[in-house]
PDB file of N, CA and C in Angstrom:
ATOM      1  N   UNK A   1    -102.576   5.024 -31.317  1.00  0.00           N
ATOM      2  CA  UNK A   1    -102.527   3.729 -30.665  1.00  0.00           C
ATOM      3  C   UNK A   1    -103.626   2.801 -31.192  1.00  0.00           C
ATOM      4  N   UNK A   2    -104.723   3.339 -31.621  1.00  0.00           N
ATOM      5  CA  UNK A   2    -105.819   2.494 -32.065  1.00  0.00           C
ATOM      6  C   UNK A   2    -105.468   1.670 -33.287  1.00  0.00           C
ATOM      7  N   UNK A   3    -104.715   2.244 -34.223  1.00  0.00           N
ATOM      8  CA  UNK A   3    -104.380   1.496 -35.428  1.00  0.00           C
ATOM      9  C   UNK A   3    -103.458   0.324 -35.107  1.00  0.00           C
ATOM     10  N   UNK A   4    -102.518   0.518 -34.182  1.00  0.00           N
ATOM     11  CA  UNK A   4    -101.634  -0.583 -33.787  1.00  0.00           C
ATOM     12  C   UNK A   4    -102.415  -1.677 -33.075  1.00  0.00           C
ATOM     13  N   UNK A   5    -103.345  -1.268 -32.241  1.00  0.00           N
ATOM     14  CA  UNK A   5    -104.180  -2.228 -31.523  1.00  0.00           C
ATOM     15  C   UNK A   5    -105.045  -3.029 -32.493  1.00  0.00           C
ATOM     16  N   UNK A   6    -105.617  -2.353 -33.447  1.00  0.00           N
ATOM     17  CA  UNK A   6    -106.459  -3.036 -34.432  1.00  0.00           C
ATOM     18  C   UNK A   6    -105.625  -3.985 -35.279  1.00  0.00           C
ATOM     19  N   UNK A   7    -104.456  -3.534 -35.745  1.00  0.00           N
ATOM     20  CA  UNK A   7    -103.586  -4.406 -36.550  1.00  0.00           C
ATOM     21  C   UNK A   7    -103.139  -5.627 -35.764  1.00  0.00           C
ATOM     22  N   UNK A   8    -102.744  -5.417 -34.517  1.00  0.00           N
ATOM     23  CA  UNK A   8    -102.338  -6.541 -33.664  1.00  0.00           C
ATOM     24  C   UNK A   8    -103.497  -7.518 -33.497  1.00  0.00           C
ATOM     25  N   UNK A   9    -104.673  -6.989 -33.212  1.00  0.00           N
ATOM     26  CA  UNK A   9    -105.845  -7.839 -33.038  1.00  0.00           C
ATOM     27  C   UNK A   9    -106.180  -8.621 -34.290  1.00  0.00           C
ATOM     28  N   UNK A  10    -106.157  -7.970 -35.429  1.00  0.00           N
ATOM     29  CA  UNK A  10    -106.492  -8.636 -36.690  1.00  0.00           C
ATOM     30  C   UNK A  10    -105.482  -9.719 -37.022  1.00  0.00           C
ATOM     31  N   UNK A  11    -104.195  -9.423 -36.859  1.00  0.00           N
ATOM     32  CA  UNK A  11    -103.186 -10.430 -37.186  1.00  0.00           C
ATOM     33  C   UNK A  11    -103.229 -11.632 -36.238  1.00  0.00           C
ATOM     34  N   UNK A  12    -103.531 -11.402 -34.961  1.00  0.00           N
ATOM     35  CA  UNK A  12    -103.680 -12.537 -34.042  1.00  0.00           C
ATOM     36  C   UNK A  12    -104.939 -13.341 -34.354  1.00  0.00           C
ATOM     37  N   UNK A  13    -105.994 -12.669 -34.770  1.00  0.00           N
ATOM     38  CA  UNK A  13    -107.203 -13.384 -35.173  1.00  0.00           C
ATOM     39  C   UNK A  13    -106.905 -14.263 -36.380  1.00  0.00           C
ATOM     40  N   UNK A  14    -106.178 -13.718 -37.353  1.00  0.00           N
ATOM     41  CA  UNK A  14    -105.779 -14.515 -38.518  1.00  0.00           C
ATOM     42  C   UNK A  14    -104.943 -15.711 -38.085  1.00  0.00           C
ATOM     43  N   UNK A  15    -104.016 -15.485 -37.155  1.00  0.00           N
ATOM     44  CA  UNK A  15    -103.175 -16.576 -36.651  1.00  0.00           C
ATOM     45  C   UNK A  15    -104.021 -17.668 -36.007  1.00  0.00           C
ATOM     46  N   UNK A  16    -104.955 -17.277 -35.145  1.00  0.00           N
ATOM     47  CA  UNK A  16    -105.813 -18.266 -34.485  1.00  0.00           C
ATOM     48  C   UNK A  16    -106.664 -19.035 -35.496  1.00  0.00           C
ATOM     49  N   UNK A  17    -107.203 -18.338 -36.486  1.00  0.00           N
ATOM     50  CA  UNK A  17    -108.022 -19.010 -37.504  1.00  0.00           C
ATOM     51  C   UNK A  17    -107.172 -20.006 -38.295  1.00  0.00           C
ATOM     52  N   UNK A  18    -105.935 -19.637 -38.626  1.00  0.00           N
ATOM     53  CA  UNK A  18    -105.047 -20.559 -39.333  1.00  0.00           C
ATOM     54  C   UNK A  18    -104.679 -21.765 -38.473  1.00  0.00           C
ATOM     55  N   UNK A  19    -104.473 -21.541 -37.180  1.00  0.00           N
ATOM     56  CA  UNK A  19    -104.195 -22.655 -36.264  1.00  0.00           C
ATOM     57  C   UNK A  19    -105.387 -23.601 -36.220  1.00  0.00           C
ATOM     58  N   UNK A  20    -106.589 -23.054 -36.136  1.00  0.00           N
ATOM     59  CA  UNK A  20    -107.794 -23.881 -36.098  1.00  0.00           C
ATOM     60  C   UNK A  20    -107.932 -24.671 -37.395  1.00  0.00           C
ATOM     61  N   UNK A  21    -107.737 -24.011 -38.531  1.00  0.00           N
ATOM     62  CA  UNK A  21    -107.872 -24.695 -39.822  1.00  0.00           C
ATOM     63  C   UNK A  21    -106.845 -25.811 -39.970  1.00  0.00           C
ATOM     64  N   UNK A  22    -105.602 -25.544 -39.601  1.00  0.00           N
ATOM     65  CA  UNK A  22    -104.539 -26.558 -39.699  1.00  0.00           C
ATOM     66  C   UNK A  22    -104.798 -27.712 -38.733  1.00  0.00           C
ATOM     67  N   UNK A  23    -105.271 -27.397 -37.547  1.00  0.00           N
ATOM     68  CA  UNK A  23    -105.556 -28.446 -36.561  1.00  0.00           C
ATOM     69  C   UNK A  23    -106.675 -29.361 -37.044  1.00  0.00           C
ATOM     70  N   UNK A  24    -107.714 -28.790 -37.598  1.00  0.00           N
ATOM     71  CA  UNK A  24    -108.819 -29.605 -38.103  1.00  0.00           C
ATOM     72  C   UNK A  24    -108.384 -30.425 -39.319  1.00  0.00           C
ATOM     73  N   UNK A  25    -107.562 -29.838 -40.161  1.00  0.00           N
ATOM     74  CA  UNK A  25    -107.086 -30.553 -41.353  1.00  0.00           C
ATOM     75  C   UNK A  25    -106.205 -31.736 -40.961  1.00  0.00           C
ATOM     76  N   UNK A  26    -105.275 -31.500 -40.036  1.00  0.00           N
ATOM     77  CA  UNK A  26    -104.328 -32.538 -39.621  1.00  0.00           C
ATOM     78  C   UNK A  26    -104.864 -33.435 -38.509  1.00  0.00           C
ATOM     79  N   UNK A  27    -105.997 -33.083 -37.947  1.00  0.00           N
ATOM     80  CA  UNK A  27    -106.583 -33.813 -36.823  1.00  0.00           C
ATOM     81  C   UNK A  27    -105.615 -33.951 -35.652  1.00  0.00           C
ATOM     82  N   UNK A  28    -105.079 -32.832 -35.265  1.00  0.00           N
ATOM     83  CA  UNK A  28    -104.191 -32.756 -34.118  1.00  0.00           C
ATOM     84  C   UNK A  28    -104.370 -31.384 -33.473  1.00  0.00           C
ATOM     85  N   UNK A  29    -103.733 -31.177 -32.351  1.00  0.00           N
ATOM     86  CA  UNK A  29    -103.860 -29.888 -31.685  1.00  0.00           C
ATOM     87  C   UNK A  29    -102.825 -28.914 -32.237  1.00  0.00           C
ATOM     88  N   UNK A  30    -103.153 -27.634 -32.190  1.00  0.00           N
ATOM     89  CA  UNK A  30    -102.276 -26.626 -32.766  1.00  0.00           C
ATOM     90  C   UNK A  30    -101.448 -25.871 -31.758  1.00  0.00           C
ATOM     91  N   UNK A  31    -101.878 -25.859 -30.517  1.00  0.00           N
ATOM     92  CA  UNK A  31    -101.157 -25.161 -29.450  1.00  0.00           C
ATOM     93  C   UNK A  31    -101.050 -26.117 -28.272  1.00  0.00           C
ATOM     94  N   UNK A  32     -99.878 -26.216 -27.638  1.00  0.00           N
ATOM     95  CA  UNK A  32     -99.749 -27.087 -26.464  1.00  0.00           C
ATOM     96  C   UNK A  32    -100.716 -26.679 -25.354  1.00  0.00           C
ATOM     97  N   UNK A  33    -101.082 -27.650 -24.540  1.00  0.00           N
ATOM     98  CA  UNK A  33    -102.104 -27.439 -23.517  1.00  0.00           C
ATOM     99  C   UNK A  33    -101.729 -26.336 -22.538  1.00  0.00           C
ATOM    100  N   UNK A  34    -100.486 -26.326 -22.108  1.00  0.00           N
ATOM    101  CA  UNK A  34    -100.062 -25.314 -21.137  1.00  0.00           C
ATOM    102  C   UNK A  34    -100.178 -23.916 -21.741  1.00  0.00           C
ATOM    103  N   UNK A  35     -99.788 -23.767 -23.004  1.00  0.00           N
ATOM    104  CA  UNK A  35     -99.855 -22.464 -23.666  1.00  0.00           C
ATOM    105  C   UNK A  35    -101.310 -22.015 -23.856  1.00  0.00           C
ATOM    106  N   UNK A  36    -102.177 -22.923 -24.242  1.00  0.00           N
ATOM    107  CA  UNK A  36    -103.577 -22.548 -24.438  1.00  0.00           C
ATOM    108  C   UNK A  36    -104.226 -22.196 -23.093  1.00  0.00           C
ATOM    109  N   UNK A  37    -103.802 -22.851 -22.027  1.00  0.00           N
ATOM    110  CA  UNK A  37    -104.316 -22.509 -20.694  1.00  0.00           C
ATOM    111  C   UNK A  37    -103.903 -21.096 -20.304  1.00  0.00           C
ATOM    112  N   UNK A  38    -102.652 -20.753 -20.574  1.00  0.00           N
ATOM    113  CA  UNK A  38    -102.186 -19.397 -20.269  1.00  0.00           C
ATOM    114  C   UNK A  38    -102.908 -18.365 -21.134  1.00  0.00           C
ATOM    115  N   UNK A  39    -103.107 -18.676 -22.414  1.00  0.00           N
ATOM    116  CA  UNK A  39    -103.841 -17.767 -23.292  1.00  0.00           C
ATOM    117  C   UNK A  39    -105.259 -17.539 -22.781  1.00  0.00           C
ATOM    118  N   UNK A  40    -105.925 -18.607 -22.398  1.00  0.00           N
ATOM    119  CA  UNK A  40    -107.292 -18.476 -21.883  1.00  0.00           C
ATOM    120  C   UNK A  40    -107.325 -17.632 -20.617  1.00  0.00           C
ATOM    121  N   UNK A  41    -106.374 -17.854 -19.725  1.00  0.00           N
ATOM    122  CA  UNK A  41    -106.326 -17.074 -18.487  1.00  0.00           C
ATOM    123  C   UNK A  41    -106.097 -15.595 -18.789  1.00  0.00           C
ATOM    124  N   UNK A  42    -105.169 -15.323 -19.676  1.00  0.00           N
ATOM    125  CA  UNK A  42    -104.838 -13.949 -20.052  1.00  0.00           C
ATOM    126  C   UNK A  42    -106.051 -13.251 -20.676  1.00  0.00           C
ATOM    127  N   UNK A  43    -106.671 -13.910 -21.640  1.00  0.00           N
ATOM    128  CA  UNK A  43    -107.762 -13.269 -22.349  1.00  0.00           C
ATOM    129  C   UNK A  43    -109.032 -13.174 -21.499  1.00  0.00           C
ATOM    130  N   UNK A  44    -109.269 -14.142 -20.631  1.00  0.00           N
ATOM    131  CA  UNK A  44    -110.403 -14.045 -19.712  1.00  0.00           C
ATOM    132  C   UNK A  44    -110.198 -12.876 -18.752  1.00  0.00           C
ATOM    133  N   UNK A  45    -108.980 -12.749 -18.253  1.00  0.00           N
ATOM    134  CA  UNK A  45    -108.662 -11.670 -17.317  1.00  0.00           C
ATOM    135  C   UNK A  45    -108.936 -10.308 -17.941  1.00  0.00           C
ATOM    136  N   UNK A  46    -108.452 -10.111 -19.183  1.00  0.00           N
ATOM    137  CA  UNK A  46    -108.611  -8.793 -19.799  1.00  0.00           C
ATOM    138  C   UNK A  46    -109.947  -8.609 -20.508  1.00  0.00           C
ATOM    139  N   UNK A  47    -110.754  -9.661 -20.554  1.00  0.00           N
ATOM    140  CA  UNK A  47    -112.129  -9.513 -21.054  1.00  0.00           C
ATOM    141  C   UNK A  47    -113.089  -9.141 -19.931  1.00  0.00           C
ATOM    142  N   UNK A  48    -112.925  -9.783 -18.791  1.00  0.00           N
ATOM    143  CA  UNK A  48    -113.949  -9.691 -17.755  1.00  0.00           C
ATOM    144  C   UNK A  48    -113.468  -9.117 -16.426  1.00  0.00           C
ATOM    145  N   UNK A  49    -112.235  -9.351 -16.038  1.00  0.00           N
ATOM    146  CA  UNK A  49    -111.776  -8.887 -14.721  1.00  0.00           C
ATOM    147  C   UNK A  49    -111.185  -7.481 -14.803  1.00  0.00           C
ATOM    148  N   UNK A  50    -110.261  -7.272 -15.733  1.00  0.00           N
ATOM    149  CA  UNK A  50    -109.641  -5.964 -15.930  1.00  0.00           C
ATOM    150  C   UNK A  50    -109.815  -5.508 -17.380  1.00  0.00           C
ATOM    151  N   UNK A  51    -111.035  -5.274 -17.809  1.00  0.00           N
ATOM    152  CA  UNK A  51    -111.234  -4.870 -19.207  1.00  0.00           C
ATOM    153  C   UNK A  51    -110.715  -3.452 -19.444  1.00  0.00           C
ATOM    154  N   UNK A  52    -110.148  -3.210 -20.600  1.00  0.00           N
ATOM    155  CA  UNK A  52    -109.719  -1.841 -20.914  1.00  0.00           C
ATOM    156  C   UNK A  52    -110.949  -0.956 -21.119  1.00  0.00           C
ATOM    157  N   UNK A  53    -111.144  -0.023 -20.222  1.00  0.00           N
ATOM    158  CA  UNK A  53    -112.372   0.768 -20.222  1.00  0.00           C
ATOM    159  C   UNK A  53    -112.392   1.823 -21.324  1.00  0.00           C
ATOM    160  N   UNK A  54    -111.232   2.328 -21.695  1.00  0.00           N
ATOM    161  CA  UNK A  54    -111.221   3.422 -22.655  1.00  0.00           C
ATOM    162  C   UNK A  54    -111.267   2.955 -24.109  1.00  0.00           C
ATOM    163  N   UNK A  55    -110.976   1.684 -24.349  1.00  0.00           N
ATOM    164  CA  UNK A  55    -110.936   1.182 -25.724  1.00  0.00           C
ATOM    165  C   UNK A  55    -111.953   0.064 -25.908  1.00  0.00           C
ATOM    166  N   UNK A  56    -113.070   0.379 -26.519  1.00  0.00           N
ATOM    167  CA  UNK A  56    -114.090  -0.630 -26.800  1.00  0.00           C
ATOM    168  C   UNK A  56    -113.566  -1.670 -27.779  1.00  0.00           C
ATOM    169  N   UNK A  57    -112.775  -1.229 -28.743  1.00  0.00           N
ATOM    170  CA  UNK A  57    -112.241  -2.159 -29.735  1.00  0.00           C
ATOM    171  C   UNK A  57    -111.346  -3.200 -29.070  1.00  0.00           C
ATOM    172  N   UNK A  58    -110.612  -2.823 -28.033  1.00  0.00           N
ATOM    173  CA  UNK A  58    -109.757  -3.777 -27.318  1.00  0.00           C
ATOM    174  C   UNK A  58    -110.604  -4.834 -26.621  1.00  0.00           C
ATOM    175  N   UNK A  59    -111.713  -4.440 -26.038  1.00  0.00           N
ATOM    176  CA  UNK A  59    -112.601  -5.416 -25.388  1.00  0.00           C
ATOM    177  C   UNK A  59    -113.155  -6.401 -26.409  1.00  0.00           C
ATOM    178  N   UNK A  60    -113.517  -5.896 -27.574  1.00  0.00           N
ATOM    179  CA  UNK A  60    -114.049  -6.759 -28.630  1.00  0.00           C
ATOM    180  C   UNK A  60    -112.975  -7.735 -29.111  1.00  0.00           C
ATOM    181  N   UNK A  61    -111.765  -7.228 -29.298  1.00  0.00           N
ATOM    182  CA  UNK A  61    -110.664  -8.084 -29.750  1.00  0.00           C
ATOM    183  C   UNK A  61    -110.372  -9.166 -28.716  1.00  0.00           C
ATOM    184  N   UNK A  62    -110.307  -8.802 -27.443  1.00  0.00           N
ATOM    185  CA  UNK A  62    -110.059  -9.804 -26.401  1.00  0.00           C
ATOM    186  C   UNK A  62    -111.162 -10.856 -26.373  1.00  0.00           C
ATOM    187  N   UNK A  63    -112.397 -10.452 -26.579  1.00  0.00           N
ATOM    188  CA  UNK A  63    -113.502 -11.406 -26.596  1.00  0.00           C
ATOM    189  C   UNK A  63    -113.391 -12.360 -27.789  1.00  0.00           C
ATOM    190  N   UNK A  64    -113.039 -11.840 -28.956  1.00  0.00           N
ATOM    191  CA  UNK A  64    -112.848 -12.696 -30.129  1.00  0.00           C
ATOM    192  C   UNK A  64    -111.711 -13.676 -29.876  1.00  0.00           C
ATOM    193  N   UNK A  65    -110.609 -13.194 -29.300  1.00  0.00           N
ATOM    194  CA  UNK A  65    -109.482 -14.082 -28.985  1.00  0.00           C
ATOM    195  C   UNK A  65    -109.916 -15.176 -28.014  1.00  0.00           C
ATOM    196  N   UNK A  66    -110.693 -14.823 -27.020  1.00  0.00           N
ATOM    197  CA  UNK A  66    -111.164 -15.795 -26.039  1.00  0.00           C
ATOM    198  C   UNK A  66    -112.017 -16.871 -26.707  1.00  0.00           C
ATOM    199  N   UNK A  67    -112.904 -16.468 -27.576  1.00  0.00           N
ATOM    200  CA  UNK A  67    -113.755 -17.436 -28.278  1.00  0.00           C
ATOM    201  C   UNK A  67    -112.909 -18.356 -29.154  1.00  0.00           C
ATOM    202  N   UNK A  68    -111.949 -17.792 -29.871  1.00  0.00           N
ATOM    203  CA  UNK A  68    -111.081 -18.612 -30.718  1.00  0.00           C
ATOM    204  C   UNK A  68    -110.218 -19.553 -29.875  1.00  0.00           C
ATOM    205  N   UNK A  69    -109.750 -19.092 -28.716  1.00  0.00           N
ATOM    206  CA  UNK A  69    -108.995 -19.969 -27.819  1.00  0.00           C
ATOM    207  C   UNK A  69    -109.849 -21.119 -27.300  1.00  0.00           C
ATOM    208  N   UNK A  70    -111.103 -20.861 -27.026  1.00  0.00           N
ATOM    209  CA  UNK A  70    -112.003 -21.941 -26.589  1.00  0.00           C
ATOM    210  C   UNK A  70    -112.189 -22.980 -27.696  1.00  0.00           C
ATOM    211  N   UNK A  71    -112.240 -22.530 -28.935  1.00  0.00           N
ATOM    212  CA  UNK A  71    -112.323 -23.473 -30.059  1.00  0.00           C
ATOM    213  C   UNK A  71    -111.041 -24.295 -30.149  1.00  0.00           C
ATOM    214  N   UNK A  72    -109.898 -23.647 -29.983  1.00  0.00           N
ATOM    215  CA  UNK A  72    -108.616 -24.354 -29.998  1.00  0.00           C
ATOM    216  C   UNK A  72    -108.549 -25.360 -28.853  1.00  0.00           C
ATOM    217  N   UNK A  73    -109.065 -24.996 -27.693  1.00  0.00           N
ATOM    218  CA  UNK A  73    -109.101 -25.919 -26.549  1.00  0.00           C
ATOM    219  C   UNK A  73    -109.978 -27.128 -26.855  1.00  0.00           C
ATOM    220  N   UNK A  74    -111.121 -26.910 -27.472  1.00  0.00           N
ATOM    221  CA  UNK A  74    -111.996 -28.039 -27.851  1.00  0.00           C
ATOM    222  C   UNK A  74    -111.282 -28.968 -28.829  1.00  0.00           C
ATOM    223  N   UNK A  75    -110.536 -28.401 -29.755  1.00  0.00           N
ATOM    224  CA  UNK A  75    -109.773 -29.219 -30.699  1.00  0.00           C
ATOM    225  C   UNK A  75    -108.702 -30.012 -29.962  1.00  0.00           C
ATOM    226  N   UNK A  76    -108.073 -29.393 -28.971  1.00  0.00           N
ATOM    227  CA  UNK A  76    -107.083 -30.124 -28.175  1.00  0.00           C
ATOM    228  C   UNK A  76    -107.724 -31.322 -27.495  1.00  0.00           C
ATOM    229  N   UNK A  77    -108.884 -31.125 -26.887  1.00  0.00           N
ATOM    230  CA  UNK A  77    -109.553 -32.228 -26.203  1.00  0.00           C
ATOM    231  C   UNK A  77    -110.033 -33.297 -27.176  1.00  0.00           C
ATOM    232  N   UNK A  78    -110.340 -32.903 -28.393  1.00  0.00           N
ATOM    233  CA  UNK A  78    -110.823 -33.859 -29.375  1.00  0.00           C
ATOM    234  C   UNK A  78    -109.689 -34.698 -29.964  1.00  0.00           C
ATOM    235  N   UNK A  79    -108.561 -34.076 -30.296  1.00  0.00           N
ATOM    236  CA  UNK A  79    -107.485 -34.778 -31.008  1.00  0.00           C
ATOM    237  C   UNK A  79    -106.188 -34.931 -30.214  1.00  0.00           C
ATOM    238  N   UNK A  80    -106.031 -34.203 -29.124  1.00  0.00           N
ATOM    239  CA  UNK A  80    -104.753 -34.155 -28.430  1.00  0.00           C
ATOM    240  C   UNK A  80    -104.290 -35.463 -27.820  1.00  0.00           C
ATOM    241  N   UNK A  81    -105.216 -36.298 -27.387  1.00  0.00           N
ATOM    242  CA  UNK A  81    -104.843 -37.531 -26.701  1.00  0.00           C
ATOM    243  C   UNK A  81    -104.056 -38.477 -27.609  1.00  0.00           C
ATOM    244  N   UNK A  82    -104.219 -38.363 -28.908  1.00  0.00           N
ATOM    245  CA  UNK A  82    -103.524 -39.253 -29.845  1.00  0.00           C
ATOM    246  C   UNK A  82    -102.020 -39.007 -29.875  1.00  0.00           C
ATOM    247  N   UNK A  83    -101.605 -37.831 -29.479  1.00  0.00           N
ATOM    248  CA  UNK A  83    -100.203 -37.441 -29.589  1.00  0.00           C
ATOM    249  C   UNK A  83     -99.347 -37.846 -28.386  1.00  0.00           C
ATOM    250  N   UNK A  84     -99.967 -38.258 -27.307  1.00  0.00           N
ATOM    251  CA  UNK A  84     -99.225 -38.514 -26.091  1.00  0.00           C
ATOM    252  C   UNK A  84     -98.924 -39.996 -25.915  1.00  0.00           C
ATOM    253  N   UNK A  85     -97.696 -40.290 -25.494  1.00  0.00           N
ATOM    254  CA  UNK A  85     -97.302 -41.676 -25.270  1.00  0.00           C
ATOM    255  C   UNK A  85     -97.915 -42.231 -23.993  1.00  0.00           C
ATOM    256  N   UNK A  86     -97.988 -41.405 -22.976  1.00  0.00           N
ATOM    257  CA  UNK A  86     -98.531 -41.838 -21.691  1.00  0.00           C
ATOM    258  C   UNK A  86    -100.004 -41.440 -21.627  1.00  0.00           C
ATOM    259  N   UNK A  87    -100.859 -42.290 -22.144  1.00  0.00           N
ATOM    260  CA  UNK A  87    -102.283 -41.967 -22.212  1.00  0.00           C
ATOM    261  C   UNK A  87    -102.958 -42.028 -20.846  1.00  0.00           C
ATOM    262  N   UNK A  88    -102.347 -42.740 -19.896  1.00  0.00           N
ATOM    263  CA  UNK A  88    -102.926 -42.785 -18.552  1.00  0.00           C
ATOM    264  C   UNK A  88    -102.927 -41.400 -17.927  1.00  0.00           C
ATOM    265  N   UNK A  89    -101.885 -40.629 -18.230  1.00  0.00           N
ATOM    266  CA  UNK A  89    -101.785 -39.282 -17.675  1.00  0.00           C
ATOM    267  C   UNK A  89    -102.915 -38.395 -18.185  1.00  0.00           C
ATOM    268  N   UNK A  90    -103.305 -38.590 -19.427  1.00  0.00           N
ATOM    269  CA  UNK A  90    -104.338 -37.754 -20.021  1.00  0.00           C
ATOM    270  C   UNK A  90    -105.714 -38.394 -20.005  1.00  0.00           C
ATOM    271  N   UNK A  91    -105.837 -39.506 -19.333  1.00  0.00           N
ATOM    272  CA  UNK A  91    -107.121 -40.190 -19.298  1.00  0.00           C
ATOM    273  C   UNK A  91    -108.194 -39.299 -18.690  1.00  0.00           C
ATOM    274  N   UNK A  92    -107.814 -38.551 -17.695  1.00  0.00           N
ATOM    275  CA  UNK A  92    -108.758 -37.652 -17.049  1.00  0.00           C
ATOM    276  C   UNK A  92    -108.339 -36.214 -17.353  1.00  0.00           C
ATOM    277  N   UNK A  93    -108.952 -35.621 -18.373  1.00  0.00           N
ATOM    278  CA  UNK A  93    -108.621 -34.254 -18.764  1.00  0.00           C
ATOM    279  C   UNK A  93    -108.969 -33.245 -17.685  1.00  0.00           C
ATOM    280  N   UNK A  94    -109.919 -33.553 -16.861  1.00  0.00           N
ATOM    281  CA  UNK A  94    -110.323 -32.595 -15.830  1.00  0.00           C
ATOM    282  C   UNK A  94    -109.183 -32.322 -14.860  1.00  0.00           C
ATOM    283  N   UNK A  95    -108.434 -33.343 -14.488  1.00  0.00           N
ATOM    284  CA  UNK A  95    -107.319 -33.102 -13.573  1.00  0.00           C
ATOM    285  C   UNK A  95    -106.230 -32.280 -14.252  1.00  0.00           C
ATOM    286  N   UNK A  96    -105.978 -32.520 -15.523  1.00  0.00           N
ATOM    287  CA  UNK A  96    -104.990 -31.747 -16.262  1.00  0.00           C
ATOM    288  C   UNK A  96    -105.436 -30.291 -16.389  1.00  0.00           C
ATOM    289  N   UNK A  97    -106.700 -30.086 -16.675  1.00  0.00           N
ATOM    290  CA  UNK A  97    -107.248 -28.736 -16.777  1.00  0.00           C
ATOM    291  C   UNK A  97    -107.148 -28.016 -15.442  1.00  0.00           C
ATOM    292  N   UNK A  98    -107.490 -28.694 -14.353  1.00  0.00           N
ATOM    293  CA  UNK A  98    -107.404 -28.091 -13.025  1.00  0.00           C
ATOM    294  C   UNK A  98    -105.967 -27.755 -12.659  1.00  0.00           C
ATOM    295  N   UNK A  99    -105.033 -28.593 -13.043  1.00  0.00           N
ATOM    296  CA  UNK A  99    -103.622 -28.338 -12.764  1.00  0.00           C
ATOM    297  C   UNK A  99    -103.169 -27.065 -13.470  1.00  0.00           C
ATOM    298  N   UNK A 100    -103.547 -26.897 -14.717  1.00  0.00           N
ATOM    299  CA  UNK A 100    -103.133 -25.714 -15.469  1.00  0.00           C
ATOM    300  C   UNK A 100    -103.848 -24.448 -14.984  1.00  0.00           C
ATOM    301  N   UNK A 101    -105.059 -24.582 -14.500  1.00  0.00           N
ATOM    302  CA  UNK A 101    -105.751 -23.409 -13.973  1.00  0.00           C
ATOM    303  C   UNK A 101    -105.199 -22.984 -12.623  1.00  0.00           C
ATOM    304  N   UNK A 102    -104.653 -23.937 -11.879  1.00  0.00           N
ATOM    305  CA  UNK A 102    -104.101 -23.627 -10.580  1.00  0.00           C
ATOM    306  C   UNK A 102    -102.913 -22.708 -10.735  1.00  0.00           C
TER     307      UNK A 102
END
């Protein structure tokens, strides 16, 4: 099971790094806000609330994913507003963030 876990972790890390690179190059967000909110919730949960106790490598992978998701979220906040037609809705990112966390 460890080799599958490591391969899955490495390939998702590569995916996140490519999303970050493409987002910075194109100056836009790479993952929709709702999806990145769910990713953050999932990875925070399995990093800190229900960490896999028997697999240290899984905890490390979840932590790396969480950090990369936070970078993707920062990119969304930096460039995401340009993509929306209704800018009044996104004027206050805090309310949007709270809605997705709810």
